[in-house]
Structures are given as C-alpha cells and as structure tokens.
Amino acid sequence: MSSKTVVLGGSGAMAAGCVYDLHQTSDFDEIVVADADEENARRLLEVIDDDRFRFESVDATDTDDIVRVLEGADYVVNGLPYPFEENVLDAMQEVGNLTGVDLNAFDFEEVLDRSEEFAEAGNSLWFANGGLVSTIALGMAACERFDDVEDVNFYWGMWRLLTQTTPGLTDTVTYEHDPDVDERAKWEDGEVINDLPAFSEQRTFEFPDPIGEEDTYVISHPEPVTFPKAPVAQAKNVDSIITRGAWHEEWKRYERTLHASNAFETDSLEVDGAEVDPIEVMQQQVKNQGLELETQWKPPEDLSPETEWTPQTILSAEVTGTIDGQDDRAVFHLEQPSPFFDVDEITVMREYGCYVGVPLSVTLQLMADGAIDEDGIFITETSGLDAERYLEEMEERGFDFVTEETPSKSIAAQSR
C-alpha cells in the first residue's frame, strides 16, 4: 500500500478522524494534510506525531491550486465543504489516475454524470462517503437476514448541544428543516416520493444510550433514493425505505422556533435602518459559538463539561420482512467510541466527527487493498462493498456494532 495520499480539508472536524485513523491503521508512505487552516492542521499533526504526515496549504477556491496539491498523488480524500465539489472533481479529472473517497453527498446526478469521463482519466471515486457508508452497510447487513424485505428504516441520532457544531453542520441541520426543501423523500412501491414536509413521517424509535427513546422524523438524506440500487435491496424485493433523524432538544427547539417565527418565509427585516436576513443572523450566532469551542483543545474526557455524555451520532437500521413465511424484524446500531482520539488534547467536534472520518479511511484502505474495484464515480450501494467486512473494520477501530434484534432464523443459523 506504499503510496502518497492527499487529504483535502484534513484538519476539519469531519476529516480529522480520517487523518487520525490513517495514522493508526494505514501503511501509506506519505500523507499530506491539505488545508487552508494552517494553524489547526499543524496542531493536529503535532498531536498525531507521525513522520509520514505533512501539511500543505491549499486554496480550495482555485482549481489549479488543488491540481498542484494532487500532482504525484495516488490516493485522495475529499473532506472539503460541498461548495468546492466541482473544483475538486475538475482537479481530479486533470490529474488523473487517482483513487479516492468523497465526503460530499450533494448534486448526485451532476456528479455521477461525470463517471464515464472519470473512468477514462483512470480515476476511481467513491462518492457520498462518510457516515452514509455506515447506514447503508447496516441496511445491507439487516436485509441479508430476510427472505423478503418490507420496510427499511434508517435513523440518524445526532446528539450534541446547539453550540457543539461547525458552520457546515449548522447549515445542514437547518437545510434539513427548511420548508422549501423538496429533498425529504421516501421510497414506496418502486417510486421515490419527494417534497415531504419538515417534521413529518414522525416515528418513535429507541436508540442506545445516551439518546434513548426519541421522536424521529424524515430528513433530506439520500438513502431512499440510493438504497434501491443495492443488489440486496433488489434481491429481497424491498417495498419502502425512509430516513429519519433525531436531534438533541436544544436543536429541536431552535429549528421549531425558526418555523414558528416564520423566519424561513421572511426574506429580510429592517433593523436600525439595515436589511438583515433572520435565518442568517441566527445561524451566524450558532456558528460563532461553535467556532469558539473548536479553538479549545482539551483532553477528550473534558470536552463536554455541561453533559454526562460525549457528543456523538448513533446510526441505526430497522428492517422488517419475512423469513420462512413469518414476519420478523431486525434492529442494528453502530455507536462511535468515546473517546476515539487516544491523544492528550483534541477539540469537541473533531472527536464528534469520527463517525464521518473513520469510514473515509476504512473505505480508502479497502480500495487500496483491492477489495473494491470500481472505475469512475460510484456510491456505496454499487461499490460491491462487503457490509459485514466493513462493520468488522469499524469494530476493530472501537465502534460498537449492536445487533439489538435479529430474525430467529439467522440466530439459529449462527448457532450451528
């Protein structure tokens, strides 16, 4: 696996876990953390203390500069915010012969439409990576337990206080609650049903601690659109697919207040003679508090003094179907370790983001090992991923794969 790897946006809250896992588990010869934030990148590399790693500055607004950083690389991780996606794709296209994983999951059709030209350039890119790989793997593993599948329910339990956030996560949560967003969807009887209202499709679900039983509701995640492409979903005749989310009470109050105050429908307000957007004002306040927290490098056990739990995301899949003609149910969870970083100091959101960063590292190494052999641009469902192997890799890194409920036939088969 000797080679050069570039991690774009590697010091960010989500990609830092990838950088740390590459330090812990990979044998790549050279790993470049390419970022605009030199101070935080160098701080992260000091914490890791690995001679294979080095920092390189990159201007993500400049495609040519991304090309410069990618020259001579064999592998790439794109952990940059989604507004830079086109620049990254253009740079990869120009450089060619790159194998990579991409955190972003926006503009599916536009990105996947470039698959053929990517393959011609010798590129292989796993798009919509990160935490989505885990939910899809949970769903695939659960579906395998049935003869036929009726419902696949995905759950994202995002458990952090309002100020424990990043600018990107703040925008994402509010985007998922925007009444004008038409991407909240479910799959039913072979069709995608779009434009579901915010806070709709409510369902109570019990997560492991510290979340527990929570009301969940539909979010604008791609699983209902992409999971039907999984061979196991087709083989098991899946009828319906939906993705729901749960947030800490502080986030729910915040988003419901935006709705109740009609902030989404108000273009601007005049305050002391100036025009201001109410959403932008509130969002910036939340972002500022999150950015302030991200300057505080502390021992992992001291990151969230206000709570008895560490901020985390628990990912779950609940599948119903039939086995031997009998109705049955499977419920699987993937819980992130706490702490993940075995270091003296880290920041709260870099610790939180390991549920995104670690899958980036795991999948990149699977590609480097030849376990995934796809050309062009592809997603988890069409990658040929062995879901059980992926979950085993995550468990080796301290994640807890919990099989809360498993169909009886599978239990009997496993005991033989």
Foldseek 3Di string as FASTA:
>chain_A
DAFEEEEECCLDLQQVLQVLVCLVDNDYQAYEDEEQPVVSVVVSCVQSVDPRYDYDYADLVDLVRLLVVCARGAEYEYPDPPVSVVSNVVSCLVRANHEYEYCDDPPVVVQQVCQVSNLVSNYEYAYNWFLVLQQLLQQLVQLVQALAFEEKEKEKEFEDALLQDALRVLVQLLQFQQLPDFQQWKAAQHDIHTNDHGPPPWDWDADPPPVGIDIKHTTNDCCRPPSCLAPSCVSRVYGMYTYIYHYPPNSVVVNVVCVVVVLSVDQWDADPNDTDRPVVVVSVVSNVSNVVQQVDWAALVPQCVPDPDAGEMKIKMKIWDHHPRDTFIWIKIKTADRALDPGGIHTRSSRHSSSGNVRRNLVSVCVVVVVFDDGGYDYSSPRNDPSVVSVVVRVVSPIDIDTPGGDPVVVVVVVD
